[in-house]
Amino acid sequence: MIDLRSDTVTQPTKEMREFMFQAEVGDDVFGEDPTVNELQRFAAGYFGKEAALFCSSGTQTNQIAMCVHLQPGGEVICHEESHIYKYEGGGIARNAGASVRLLQGDRGRLKAVDISKWMNNPDDVHFPLTQLISIEDTANRGGGAIYDFDEIKRIKALCENWNVPLHLDGARLMNALVETGIDPKVYASQFDSISLCLSKGLGAPIGSLLIGSSEFIRKARRIRKVFGGGMRQAGIIAAGGLYAMKHHVERLKVDHEHARLLENSLNQQSWVKEVLPVQTNIVVAILNNSDDRDKIIHQFKEKGILIMPFGEGMLRMVTHLNSTSEDIEIVISVIENLSI
């Protein structure tokens, strides 16, 4: 099967498997796993931050960050389609005991001017304290849309004015950075904490990183333990992430090229109303007839291609490490010959 449901379906490459097999290991709860420590040092240095923490998933890194930044009864501002709110099982309420202020924005992205309207007056006891702003880059529900860096700077300035931290759900951050060419250190300087997935476009089999100051990571490590996220000889899986960060970043451009080829083909089909402009590796097609969605998914599956529903009348395809040029040619052929 050609699996375009998500970039989480990637299989580790032969070279990555060999690198993982040879990894030195120790007890990471004791801070003694040399490969985990190397990955954390590498990631922190890559983004110009003081420290990083290796965790099992992006949901875990995001939720740990929520718990560090938020106090029970506080509030986080985020986009209504953001992963931290929509796809993390109500974790903000359950884990941090905080409320959420949901805002609308273009393709999953917020603007400082809109956020400023919802910063609660800390002297008004009727409202929760605004304790965190969280943005997502790239924005999954926005079809892999990239934030304008100048807008991020404006959001950061707003946060500094209100003395509120800024968190980044950077599950697909590397896709954004290879496309914009912004220096990772310059980009990361705008954020108090960053969550980075290793198991999506980077192609590692498991794991995410939480990145920030030494004090932030010290607190995060304690919360990870409370979540049951402390791992022992985790170097075997951390090695996959280390290999990915060293070898799989620049090749993300190939995924973006593949996604644009799919975009071009879909835009030529009569059954497609529009395709969200492709910026990275996510292709979202909006259908002329929403009732055709499941029929189209079934026809793709019959041809050996897996794609995802993405809401009413919407389809998603995600290109990734294991999507070859030959695969994309096959998918385009199916798109052009679909019976709708």
C-alpha atoms as a PDB file:
ATOM      1  CA  MET A   1       0.000   0.000   0.000  1.00  0.00           C
ATOM      2  CA  ILE A   2       1.013   3.600  -0.624  1.00  0.00           C
ATOM      3  CA  ASP A   3       0.176   5.190   2.712  1.00  0.00           C
ATOM      4  CA  LEU A   4      -0.489   8.937   2.580  1.00  0.00           C
ATOM      5  CA  ARG A   5      -2.671   9.112   5.683  1.00  0.00           C
ATOM      6  CA  SER A   6       0.043  10.795   7.742  1.00  0.00           C
ATOM      7  CA  ASP A   7       3.782  11.302   8.039  1.00  0.00           C
ATOM      8  CA  THR A   8       3.559   9.293  11.267  1.00  0.00           C
ATOM      9  CA  VAL A   9       3.469   6.054   9.254  1.00  0.00           C
ATOM     10  CA  THR A  10       7.128   6.268   8.193  1.00  0.00           C
ATOM     11  CA  GLN A  11       9.407   3.273   8.604  1.00  0.00           C
ATOM     12  CA  PRO A  12      12.991   3.824   9.814  1.00  0.00           C
ATOM     13  CA  THR A  13      15.582   3.566   7.072  1.00  0.00           C
ATOM     14  CA  LYS A  14      18.215   0.837   7.000  1.00  0.00           C
ATOM     15  CA  GLU A  15      20.861   3.351   8.106  1.00  0.00           C
ATOM     16  CA  MET A  16      18.685   4.576  10.972  1.00  0.00           C
ATOM     17  CA  ARG A  17      18.042   1.009  12.151  1.00  0.00           C
ATOM     18  CA  GLU A  18      21.778   0.279  12.180  1.00  0.00           C
ATOM     19  CA  PHE A  19      22.459   3.482  14.094  1.00  0.00           C
ATOM     20  CA  MET A  20      19.783   2.556  16.650  1.00  0.00           C
ATOM     21  CA  PHE A  21      21.123  -0.986  16.989  1.00  0.00           C
ATOM     22  CA  GLN A  22      24.561   0.334  17.875  1.00  0.00           C
ATOM     23  CA  ALA A  23      23.366   2.962  20.372  1.00  0.00           C
ATOM     24  CA  GLU A  24      24.950   3.138  23.801  1.00  0.00           C
ATOM     25  CA  VAL A  25      22.341   2.974  26.534  1.00  0.00           C
ATOM     26  CA  GLY A  26      21.934   3.644  30.239  1.00  0.00           C
ATOM     27  CA  ASP A  27      19.197   4.492  32.722  1.00  0.00           C
ATOM     28  CA  ASP A  28      17.621   7.726  31.536  1.00  0.00           C
ATOM     29  CA  VAL A  29      15.602   8.261  34.720  1.00  0.00           C
ATOM     30  CA  PHE A  30      18.993   8.504  36.432  1.00  0.00           C
ATOM     31  CA  GLY A  31      20.122  10.776  33.586  1.00  0.00           C
ATOM     32  CA  GLU A  32      22.685   8.160  32.547  1.00  0.00           C
ATOM     33  CA  ASP A  33      21.673   7.217  29.023  1.00  0.00           C
ATOM     34  CA  PRO A  34      24.483   8.619  26.836  1.00  0.00           C
ATOM     35  CA  THR A  35      22.462   8.569  23.609  1.00  0.00           C
ATOM     36  CA  VAL A  36      19.466  10.309  25.151  1.00  0.00           C
ATOM     37  CA  ASN A  37      21.812  12.894  26.632  1.00  0.00           C
ATOM     38  CA  GLU A  38      23.497  13.425  23.275  1.00  0.00           C
ATOM     39  CA  LEU A  39      20.153  13.884  21.527  1.00  0.00           C
ATOM     40  CA  GLN A  40      19.040  16.400  24.144  1.00  0.00           C
ATOM     41  CA  ARG A  41      22.306  18.361  23.915  1.00  0.00           C
ATOM     42  CA  PHE A  42      22.205  18.312  20.126  1.00  0.00           C
ATOM     43  CA  ALA A  43      18.601  19.552  19.966  1.00  0.00           C
ATOM     44  CA  ALA A  44      19.164  22.288  22.547  1.00  0.00           C
ATOM     45  CA  GLY A  45      22.250  23.498  20.690  1.00  0.00           C
ATOM     46  CA  TYR A  46      20.500  23.300  17.324  1.00  0.00           C
ATOM     47  CA  PHE A  47      17.867  25.749  18.526  1.00  0.00           C
ATOM     48  CA  GLY A  48      20.135  27.846  20.722  1.00  0.00           C
ATOM     49  CA  LYS A  49      18.351  26.825  23.921  1.00  0.00           C
ATOM     50  CA  GLU A  50      19.774  25.669  27.235  1.00  0.00           C
ATOM     51  CA  ALA A  51      18.203  22.229  27.528  1.00  0.00           C
ATOM     52  CA  ALA A  52      15.876  19.625  26.033  1.00  0.00           C
ATOM     53  CA  LEU A  53      13.918  16.619  27.253  1.00  0.00           C
ATOM     54  CA  PHE A  54      13.254  13.430  25.276  1.00  0.00           C
ATOM     55  CA  CYS A  55       9.674  12.169  25.594  1.00  0.00           C
ATOM     56  CA  SER A  56       7.541   9.477  24.029  1.00  0.00           C
ATOM     57  CA  SER A  57       5.201  11.682  21.964  1.00  0.00           C
ATOM     58  CA  GLY A  58       4.263  15.169  20.876  1.00  0.00           C
ATOM     59  CA  THR A  59       1.129  15.008  22.987  1.00  0.00           C
ATOM     60  CA  GLN A  60       3.307  14.309  26.006  1.00  0.00           C
ATOM     61  CA  THR A  61       5.692  17.193  25.307  1.00  0.00           C
ATOM     62  CA  ASN A  62       2.788  19.585  24.736  1.00  0.00           C
ATOM     63  CA  GLN A  63       0.974  18.465  27.863  1.00  0.00           C
ATOM     64  CA  ILE A  64       4.105  18.702  29.984  1.00  0.00           C
ATOM     65  CA  ALA A  65       4.575  22.242  28.712  1.00  0.00           C
ATOM     66  CA  MET A  66       0.964  23.076  29.627  1.00  0.00           C
ATOM     67  CA  CYS A  67       1.573  21.839  33.144  1.00  0.00           C
ATOM     68  CA  VAL A  68       4.779  23.847  33.549  1.00  0.00           C
ATOM     69  CA  HIS A  69       3.320  27.092  32.235  1.00  0.00           C
ATOM     70  CA  LEU A  70      -0.233  26.921  33.596  1.00  0.00           C
ATOM     71  CA  GLN A  71      -1.706  26.917  37.080  1.00  0.00           C
ATOM     72  CA  PRO A  72      -5.156  25.452  37.848  1.00  0.00           C
ATOM     73  CA  GLY A  73      -7.768  28.032  36.942  1.00  0.00           C
ATOM     74  CA  GLY A  74      -5.501  29.774  34.456  1.00  0.00           C
ATOM     75  CA  GLU A  75      -6.086  30.070  30.738  1.00  0.00           C
ATOM     76  CA  VAL A  76      -4.203  29.332  27.533  1.00  0.00           C
ATOM     77  CA  ILE A  77      -5.003  31.110  24.279  1.00  0.00           C
ATOM     78  CA  CYS A  78      -4.735  29.013  21.110  1.00  0.00           C
ATOM     79  CA  HIS A  79      -6.361  28.490  17.723  1.00  0.00           C
ATOM     80  CA  GLU A  80      -9.661  26.610  17.726  1.00  0.00           C
ATOM     81  CA  GLU A  81      -8.154  23.934  15.459  1.00  0.00           C
ATOM     82  CA  SER A  82      -4.909  23.574  17.409  1.00  0.00           C
ATOM     83  CA  HIS A  83      -3.608  20.116  18.262  1.00  0.00           C
ATOM     84  CA  ILE A  84      -3.178  20.912  21.966  1.00  0.00           C
ATOM     85  CA  TYR A  85      -6.920  21.498  22.202  1.00  0.00           C
ATOM     86  CA  LYS A  86      -8.463  19.291  19.532  1.00  0.00           C
ATOM     87  CA  TYR A  87      -6.393  16.109  19.535  1.00  0.00           C
ATOM     88  CA  GLU A  88      -4.933  15.659  23.012  1.00  0.00           C
ATOM     89  CA  GLY A  89      -7.911  14.157  24.804  1.00  0.00           C
ATOM     90  CA  GLY A  90      -8.877  17.180  26.857  1.00  0.00           C
ATOM     91  CA  GLY A  91      -5.451  17.092  28.460  1.00  0.00           C
ATOM     92  CA  ILE A  92      -5.288  20.819  29.226  1.00  0.00           C
ATOM     93  CA  ALA A  93      -8.313  20.501  31.515  1.00  0.00           C
ATOM     94  CA  ARG A  94      -7.392  17.106  32.909  1.00  0.00           C
ATOM     95  CA  ASN A  95      -3.664  17.626  33.439  1.00  0.00           C
ATOM     96  CA  ALA A  96      -3.196  21.347  33.992  1.00  0.00           C
ATOM     97  CA  GLY A  97      -6.642  22.189  35.368  1.00  0.00           C
ATOM     98  CA  ALA A  98      -6.752  25.190  33.048  1.00  0.00           C
ATOM     99  CA  SER A  99      -9.308  26.668  30.688  1.00  0.00           C
ATOM    100  CA  VAL A 100      -8.836  27.400  26.999  1.00  0.00           C
ATOM    101  CA  ARG A 101      -9.630  30.527  25.014  1.00  0.00           C
ATOM    102  CA  LEU A 102     -10.176  29.428  21.424  1.00  0.00           C
ATOM    103  CA  LEU A 103      -9.609  31.916  18.605  1.00  0.00           C
ATOM    104  CA  GLN A 104     -10.214  31.770  14.878  1.00  0.00           C
ATOM    105  CA  GLY A 105      -7.495  32.507  12.372  1.00  0.00           C
ATOM    106  CA  ASP A 106      -6.372  31.946   8.811  1.00  0.00           C
ATOM    107  CA  ARG A 107      -5.499  28.281   8.214  1.00  0.00           C
ATOM    108  CA  GLY A 108      -4.743  27.586  11.878  1.00  0.00           C
ATOM    109  CA  ARG A 109      -2.660  30.709  12.413  1.00  0.00           C
ATOM    110  CA  LEU A 110      -3.280  33.534  14.881  1.00  0.00           C
ATOM    111  CA  LYS A 111      -2.438  37.226  14.690  1.00  0.00           C
ATOM    112  CA  ALA A 112      -1.174  39.323  17.585  1.00  0.00           C
ATOM    113  CA  VAL A 113      -3.897  41.907  17.082  1.00  0.00           C
ATOM    114  CA  ASP A 114      -6.571  39.244  17.566  1.00  0.00           C
ATOM    115  CA  ILE A 115      -4.850  37.683  20.571  1.00  0.00           C
ATOM    116  CA  SER A 116      -4.554  41.065  22.273  1.00  0.00           C
ATOM    117  CA  LYS A 117      -8.354  41.382  22.438  1.00  0.00           C
ATOM    118  CA  TRP A 118      -8.558  38.312  24.666  1.00  0.00           C
ATOM    119  CA  MET A 119      -5.764  38.967  27.158  1.00  0.00           C
ATOM    120  CA  ASN A 120      -7.677  39.042  30.440  1.00  0.00           C
ATOM    121  CA  ASN A 121      -7.230  41.894  32.881  1.00  0.00           C
ATOM    122  CA  PRO A 122      -5.334  40.319  35.810  1.00  0.00           C
ATOM    123  CA  ASP A 123      -7.088  42.680  38.232  1.00  0.00           C
ATOM    124  CA  ASP A 124     -10.564  41.519  37.224  1.00  0.00           C
ATOM    125  CA  VAL A 125     -11.462  38.554  39.425  1.00  0.00           C
ATOM    126  CA  HIS A 126     -14.268  37.474  37.093  1.00  0.00           C
ATOM    127  CA  PHE A 127     -11.854  36.145  34.477  1.00  0.00           C
ATOM    128  CA  PRO A 128      -9.143  33.477  34.525  1.00  0.00           C
ATOM    129  CA  LEU A 129      -5.569  34.691  34.365  1.00  0.00           C
ATOM    130  CA  THR A 130      -4.135  34.552  30.859  1.00  0.00           C
ATOM    131  CA  GLN A 131      -1.044  32.440  31.533  1.00  0.00           C
ATOM    132  CA  LEU A 132       0.082  31.138  28.139  1.00  0.00           C
ATOM    133  CA  ILE A 133      -0.143  31.715  24.387  1.00  0.00           C
ATOM    134  CA  SER A 134       0.353  28.633  22.202  1.00  0.00           C
ATOM    135  CA  ILE A 135       0.747  28.527  18.418  1.00  0.00           C
ATOM    136  CA  GLU A 136       1.294  25.647  15.974  1.00  0.00           C
ATOM    137  CA  ASP A 137       3.822  25.788  13.129  1.00  0.00           C
ATOM    138  CA  THR A 138       3.195  24.251  10.698  1.00  0.00           C
ATOM    139  CA  ALA A 139      -0.565  24.238  11.307  1.00  0.00           C
ATOM    140  CA  ASN A 140      -1.881  20.734  10.680  1.00  0.00           C
ATOM    141  CA  ARG A 141      -5.551  21.687  10.281  1.00  0.00           C
ATOM    142  CA  GLY A 142      -4.482  24.529   8.014  1.00  0.00           C
ATOM    143  CA  GLY A 143      -2.968  22.052   5.561  1.00  0.00           C
ATOM    144  CA  GLY A 144       0.618  22.483   6.720  1.00  0.00           C
ATOM    145  CA  ALA A 145       0.478  26.287   6.637  1.00  0.00           C
ATOM    146  CA  ILE A 146       3.592  28.170   7.778  1.00  0.00           C
ATOM    147  CA  TYR A 147       3.491  31.128  10.145  1.00  0.00           C
ATOM    148  CA  ASP A 148       4.829  34.440   8.917  1.00  0.00           C
ATOM    149  CA  PHE A 149       7.889  35.047  11.090  1.00  0.00           C
ATOM    150  CA  ASP A 150       7.119  38.744  11.438  1.00  0.00           C
ATOM    151  CA  GLU A 151       3.749  37.780  12.902  1.00  0.00           C
ATOM    152  CA  ILE A 152       5.478  35.468  15.364  1.00  0.00           C
ATOM    153  CA  LYS A 153       7.631  38.408  16.428  1.00  0.00           C
ATOM    154  CA  ARG A 154       4.511  40.505  16.993  1.00  0.00           C
ATOM    155  CA  ILE A 155       2.966  37.732  19.078  1.00  0.00           C
ATOM    156  CA  LYS A 156       6.178  37.460  21.095  1.00  0.00           C
ATOM    157  CA  ALA A 157       6.191  41.215  21.717  1.00  0.00           C
ATOM    158  CA  LEU A 158       2.613  40.957  22.971  1.00  0.00           C
ATOM    159  CA  CYS A 159       3.610  38.121  25.309  1.00  0.00           C
ATOM    160  CA  GLU A 160       6.529  40.108  26.686  1.00  0.00           C
ATOM    161  CA  ASN A 161       4.308  43.118  27.264  1.00  0.00           C
ATOM    162  CA  TRP A 162       1.918  40.968  29.295  1.00  0.00           C
ATOM    163  CA  ASN A 163       4.670  38.846  30.877  1.00  0.00           C
ATOM    164  CA  VAL A 164       3.091  35.687  29.455  1.00  0.00           C
ATOM    165  CA  PRO A 165       5.144  32.805  27.986  1.00  0.00           C
ATOM    166  CA  LEU A 166       4.839  31.671  24.367  1.00  0.00           C
ATOM    167  CA  HIS A 167       4.751  27.946  23.560  1.00  0.00           C
ATOM    168  CA  LEU A 168       5.245  26.396  20.135  1.00  0.00           C
ATOM    169  CA  ASP A 169       3.657  23.144  19.101  1.00  0.00           C
ATOM    170  CA  GLY A 170       6.319  22.504  16.491  1.00  0.00           C
ATOM    171  CA  ALA A 171       5.290  18.978  15.570  1.00  0.00           C
ATOM    172  CA  ARG A 172       6.276  19.781  11.971  1.00  0.00           C
ATOM    173  CA  LEU A 173       8.557  22.713  12.720  1.00  0.00           C
ATOM    174  CA  MET A 174      11.401  21.361  10.598  1.00  0.00           C
ATOM    175  CA  ASN A 175       9.111  21.381   7.550  1.00  0.00           C
ATOM    176  CA  ALA A 176       8.570  25.094   8.116  1.00  0.00           C
ATOM    177  CA  LEU A 177      12.243  25.885   8.641  1.00  0.00           C
ATOM    178  CA  VAL A 178      13.539  24.094   5.550  1.00  0.00           C
ATOM    179  CA  GLU A 179      10.953  25.940   3.476  1.00  0.00           C
ATOM    180  CA  THR A 180      11.591  29.428   4.892  1.00  0.00           C
ATOM    181  CA  GLY A 181      15.336  29.103   5.462  1.00  0.00           C
ATOM    182  CA  ILE A 182      15.090  30.910   8.812  1.00  0.00           C
ATOM    183  CA  ASP A 183      17.974  30.133  11.167  1.00  0.00           C
ATOM    184  CA  PRO A 184      16.635  27.691  13.801  1.00  0.00           C
ATOM    185  CA  LYS A 185      18.280  29.678  16.606  1.00  0.00           C
ATOM    186  CA  VAL A 186      16.755  32.946  15.425  1.00  0.00           C
ATOM    187  CA  TYR A 187      13.357  31.303  15.096  1.00  0.00           C
ATOM    188  CA  ALA A 188      13.513  29.550  18.465  1.00  0.00           C
ATOM    189  CA  SER A 189      14.524  32.740  20.276  1.00  0.00           C
ATOM    190  CA  GLN A 190      10.889  33.859  20.074  1.00  0.00           C
ATOM    191  CA  PHE A 191       9.606  30.966  22.198  1.00  0.00           C
ATOM    192  CA  ASP A 192       9.797  30.010  25.859  1.00  0.00           C
ATOM    193  CA  SER A 193       9.188  26.356  25.024  1.00  0.00           C
ATOM    194  CA  ILE A 194       9.123  24.242  21.879  1.00  0.00           C
ATOM    195  CA  SER A 195       7.660  20.803  21.225  1.00  0.00           C
ATOM    196  CA  LEU A 196       9.295  19.010  18.275  1.00  0.00           C
ATOM    197  CA  CYS A 197       8.174  15.646  16.876  1.00  0.00           C
ATOM    198  CA  LEU A 198      10.858  13.263  15.669  1.00  0.00           C
ATOM    199  CA  SER A 199       8.383  10.654  14.407  1.00  0.00           C
ATOM    200  CA  LYS A 200       6.680  12.648  11.631  1.00  0.00           C
ATOM    201  CA  GLY A 201       8.579  14.080   8.672  1.00  0.00           C
ATOM    202  CA  LEU A 202      11.936  13.371  10.279  1.00  0.00           C
ATOM    203  CA  GLY A 203      11.130   9.673  10.125  1.00  0.00           C
ATOM    204  CA  ALA A 204      12.148   8.396  13.568  1.00  0.00           C
ATOM    205  CA  PRO A 205       9.966   5.531  14.849  1.00  0.00           C
ATOM    206  CA  ILE A 206       9.098   7.213  18.155  1.00  0.00           C
ATOM    207  CA  GLY A 207       9.701  10.273  20.265  1.00  0.00           C
ATOM    208  CA  SER A 208       9.447  14.024  20.643  1.00  0.00           C
ATOM    209  CA  LEU A 209      11.559  16.701  22.264  1.00  0.00           C
ATOM    210  CA  LEU A 210      10.611  19.490  24.645  1.00  0.00           C
ATOM    211  CA  ILE A 211      13.076  22.368  24.410  1.00  0.00           C
ATOM    212  CA  GLY A 212      13.564  25.420  26.602  1.00  0.00           C
ATOM    213  CA  SER A 213      15.559  26.918  29.450  1.00  0.00           C
ATOM    214  CA  SER A 214      17.354  24.782  32.018  1.00  0.00           C
ATOM    215  CA  GLU A 215      14.832  25.782  34.677  1.00  0.00           C
ATOM    216  CA  PHE A 216      11.900  24.977  32.394  1.00  0.00           C
ATOM    217  CA  ILE A 217      13.306  21.537  31.559  1.00  0.00           C
ATOM    218  CA  ARG A 218      14.052  20.851  35.233  1.00  0.00           C
ATOM    219  CA  LYS A 219      10.355  21.325  35.978  1.00  0.00           C
ATOM    220  CA  ALA A 220       9.359  19.418  32.855  1.00  0.00           C
ATOM    221  CA  ARG A 221      11.435  16.393  33.891  1.00  0.00           C
ATOM    222  CA  ARG A 222       9.503  16.144  37.150  1.00  0.00           C
ATOM    223  CA  ILE A 223       6.155  16.322  35.336  1.00  0.00           C
ATOM    224  CA  ARG A 224       7.302  13.702  32.825  1.00  0.00           C
ATOM    225  CA  LYS A 225       7.975  11.390  35.753  1.00  0.00           C
ATOM    226  CA  VAL A 226       4.510  12.043  37.200  1.00  0.00           C
ATOM    227  CA  PHE A 227       3.005  11.224  33.795  1.00  0.00           C
ATOM    228  CA  GLY A 228       4.825   7.880  33.868  1.00  0.00           C
ATOM    229  CA  GLY A 229       7.020   9.074  31.029  1.00  0.00           C
ATOM    230  CA  GLY A 230      10.391   8.278  32.563  1.00  0.00           C
ATOM    231  CA  MET A 231      12.151   5.672  30.416  1.00  0.00           C
ATOM    232  CA  ARG A 232      15.132   3.505  31.256  1.00  0.00           C
ATOM    233  CA  GLN A 233      17.440   2.348  28.417  1.00  0.00           C
ATOM    234  CA  ALA A 234      15.794   4.767  26.006  1.00  0.00           C
ATOM    235  CA  GLY A 235      18.917   5.354  23.936  1.00  0.00           C
ATOM    236  CA  ILE A 236      17.805   2.741  21.425  1.00  0.00           C
ATOM    237  CA  ILE A 237      14.818   4.873  20.392  1.00  0.00           C
ATOM    238  CA  ALA A 238      16.534   8.213  21.025  1.00  0.00           C
ATOM    239  CA  ALA A 239      19.168   7.169  18.491  1.00  0.00           C
ATOM    240  CA  GLY A 240      16.493   7.181  15.794  1.00  0.00           C
ATOM    241  CA  GLY A 241      15.689  10.796  16.616  1.00  0.00           C
ATOM    242  CA  LEU A 242      19.362  11.768  16.736  1.00  0.00           C
ATOM    243  CA  TYR A 243      19.978  10.187  13.333  1.00  0.00           C
ATOM    244  CA  ALA A 244      16.894  11.923  11.945  1.00  0.00           C
ATOM    245  CA  MET A 245      17.968  15.363  13.115  1.00  0.00           C
ATOM    246  CA  LYS A 246      21.419  14.893  11.632  1.00  0.00           C
ATOM    247  CA  HIS A 247      20.417  13.326   8.304  1.00  0.00           C
ATOM    248  CA  HIS A 248      16.735  13.846   7.475  1.00  0.00           C
ATOM    249  CA  VAL A 249      16.131  17.591   7.724  1.00  0.00           C
ATOM    250  CA  GLU A 250      17.135  18.830   4.272  1.00  0.00           C
ATOM    251  CA  ARG A 251      15.401  15.945   2.528  1.00  0.00           C
ATOM    252  CA  LEU A 252      12.035  17.317   3.767  1.00  0.00           C
ATOM    253  CA  LYS A 253      12.161  19.517   0.665  1.00  0.00           C
ATOM    254  CA  VAL A 254      11.524  16.371  -1.394  1.00  0.00           C
ATOM    255  CA  ASP A 255       8.291  15.773   0.510  1.00  0.00           C
ATOM    256  CA  HIS A 256       7.222  19.333  -0.241  1.00  0.00           C
ATOM    257  CA  GLU A 257       7.941  18.879  -3.943  1.00  0.00           C
ATOM    258  CA  HIS A 258       5.874  15.689  -3.946  1.00  0.00           C
ATOM    259  CA  ALA A 259       3.010  17.465  -2.192  1.00  0.00           C
ATOM    260  CA  ARG A 260       2.985  20.225  -4.805  1.00  0.00           C
ATOM    261  CA  LEU A 261       2.758  17.630  -7.575  1.00  0.00           C
ATOM    262  CA  LEU A 262      -0.329  16.171  -5.898  1.00  0.00           C
ATOM    263  CA  GLU A 263      -1.741  19.678  -5.459  1.00  0.00           C
ATOM    264  CA  ASN A 264      -1.338  20.418  -9.169  1.00  0.00           C
ATOM    265  CA  SER A 265      -3.073  17.190 -10.164  1.00  0.00           C
ATOM    266  CA  LEU A 266      -5.968  17.637  -7.745  1.00  0.00           C
ATOM    267  CA  ASN A 267      -6.555  21.210  -8.885  1.00  0.00           C
ATOM    268  CA  GLN A 268      -7.254  19.932 -12.395  1.00  0.00           C
ATOM    269  CA  GLN A 269     -10.046  17.562 -11.332  1.00  0.00           C
ATOM    270  CA  SER A 270     -13.710  18.467 -11.739  1.00  0.00           C
ATOM    271  CA  TRP A 271     -14.627  16.779  -8.456  1.00  0.00           C
ATOM    272  CA  VAL A 272     -12.289  19.048  -6.487  1.00  0.00           C
ATOM    273  CA  LYS A 273     -13.608  22.452  -5.440  1.00  0.00           C
ATOM    274  CA  GLU A 274     -10.255  23.724  -4.218  1.00  0.00           C
ATOM    275  CA  VAL A 275      -6.970  22.628  -2.699  1.00  0.00           C
ATOM    276  CA  LEU A 276      -5.520  24.545   0.222  1.00  0.00           C
ATOM    277  CA  PRO A 277      -2.321  26.113  -1.171  1.00  0.00           C
ATOM    278  CA  VAL A 278       0.469  23.659  -0.379  1.00  0.00           C
ATOM    279  CA  GLN A 279       3.355  25.080   1.624  1.00  0.00           C
ATOM    280  CA  THR A 280       4.889  21.936   3.075  1.00  0.00           C
ATOM    281  CA  ASN A 281       3.968  18.224   3.010  1.00  0.00           C
ATOM    282  CA  ILE A 282       0.214  18.294   3.703  1.00  0.00           C
ATOM    283  CA  VAL A 283      -2.330  18.353   0.870  1.00  0.00           C
ATOM    284  CA  VAL A 284      -5.958  19.124   1.744  1.00  0.00           C
ATOM    285  CA  ALA A 285      -8.569  18.877  -0.993  1.00  0.00           C
ATOM    286  CA  ILE A 286     -12.078  20.285  -0.574  1.00  0.00           C
ATOM    287  CA  LEU A 287     -14.629  18.414  -2.678  1.00  0.00           C
ATOM    288  CA  ASN A 288     -17.414  19.842  -4.807  1.00  0.00           C
ATOM    289  CA  ASN A 289     -19.770  17.253  -3.349  1.00  0.00           C
ATOM    290  CA  SER A 290     -19.093  16.435   0.290  1.00  0.00           C
ATOM    291  CA  ASP A 291     -21.047  13.185  -0.071  1.00  0.00           C
ATOM    292  CA  ASP A 292     -18.327  11.865  -2.407  1.00  0.00           C
ATOM    293  CA  ARG A 293     -15.663  11.844   0.320  1.00  0.00           C
ATOM    294  CA  ASP A 294     -15.964   8.259   1.541  1.00  0.00           C
ATOM    295  CA  LYS A 295     -16.512   6.940  -1.983  1.00  0.00           C
ATOM    296  CA  ILE A 296     -13.266   8.578  -3.121  1.00  0.00           C
ATOM    297  CA  ILE A 297     -11.337   7.221  -0.122  1.00  0.00           C
ATOM    298  CA  HIS A 298     -12.652   3.734  -0.935  1.00  0.00           C
ATOM    299  CA  GLN A 299     -11.615   4.013  -4.581  1.00  0.00           C
ATOM    300  CA  PHE A 300      -8.118   5.073  -3.569  1.00  0.00           C
ATOM    301  CA  LYS A 301      -7.912   2.111  -1.202  1.00  0.00           C
ATOM    302  CA  GLU A 302      -8.975  -0.279  -3.979  1.00  0.00           C
ATOM    303  CA  LYS A 303      -6.006   1.049  -5.972  1.00  0.00           C
ATOM    304  CA  GLY A 304      -3.632   0.439  -3.066  1.00  0.00           C
ATOM    305  CA  ILE A 305      -3.514   4.003  -1.720  1.00  0.00           C
ATOM    306  CA  LEU A 306      -4.503   5.096   1.776  1.00  0.00           C
ATOM    307  CA  ILE A 307      -5.685   8.672   2.372  1.00  0.00           C
ATOM    308  CA  MET A 308      -7.615  10.322   5.208  1.00  0.00           C
ATOM    309  CA  PRO A 309     -10.933  12.104   5.647  1.00  0.00           C
ATOM    310  CA  PHE A 310     -10.248  15.560   7.057  1.00  0.00           C
ATOM    311  CA  GLY A 311     -13.675  16.825   7.969  1.00  0.00           C
ATOM    312  CA  GLU A 312     -16.875  17.102   5.981  1.00  0.00           C
ATOM    313  CA  GLY A 313     -16.134  17.030   2.268  1.00  0.00           C
ATOM    314  CA  MET A 314     -12.379  17.175   2.811  1.00  0.00           C
ATOM    315  CA  LEU A 315      -9.503  14.775   2.060  1.00  0.00           C
ATOM    316  CA  ARG A 316      -5.925  14.848   3.309  1.00  0.00           C
ATOM    317  CA  MET A 317      -2.755  13.399   1.818  1.00  0.00           C
ATOM    318  CA  VAL A 318       0.609  13.697   3.553  1.00  0.00           C
ATOM    319  CA  THR A 319       3.899  13.031   1.801  1.00  0.00           C
ATOM    320  CA  HIS A 320       6.804  11.681   3.815  1.00  0.00           C
ATOM    321  CA  LEU A 321      10.096   9.820   4.007  1.00  0.00           C
ATOM    322  CA  ASN A 322       8.709   6.648   2.440  1.00  0.00           C
ATOM    323  CA  SER A 323       6.815   8.371  -0.390  1.00  0.00           C
ATOM    324  CA  THR A 324       8.914   7.723  -3.488  1.00  0.00           C
ATOM    325  CA  SER A 325       8.702   9.561  -6.792  1.00  0.00           C
ATOM    326  CA  GLU A 326       7.249   6.377  -8.281  1.00  0.00           C
ATOM    327  CA  ASP A 327       4.560   6.343  -5.576  1.00  0.00           C
ATOM    328  CA  ILE A 328       3.588   9.921  -6.374  1.00  0.00           C
ATOM    329  CA  GLU A 329       3.321   9.100 -10.083  1.00  0.00           C
ATOM    330  CA  ILE A 330       0.973   6.220  -9.247  1.00  0.00           C
ATOM    331  CA  VAL A 331      -1.171   8.441  -6.992  1.00  0.00           C
ATOM    332  CA  ILE A 332      -1.409  11.106  -9.692  1.00  0.00           C
ATOM    333  CA  SER A 333      -2.496   8.470 -12.211  1.00  0.00           C
ATOM    334  CA  VAL A 334      -5.246   7.336  -9.841  1.00  0.00           C
ATOM    335  CA  ILE A 335      -6.336  10.946  -9.236  1.00  0.00           C
ATOM    336  CA  GLU A 336      -6.609  11.558 -12.967  1.00  0.00           C
ATOM    337  CA  ASN A 337      -8.598   8.385 -13.623  1.00  0.00           C
ATOM    338  CA  LEU A 338     -10.930   8.373 -10.631  1.00  0.00           C
ATOM    339  CA  SER A 339     -14.591   7.607 -11.389  1.00  0.00           C
ATOM    340  CA  ILE A 340     -16.695  10.278  -9.688  1.00  0.00           C
END
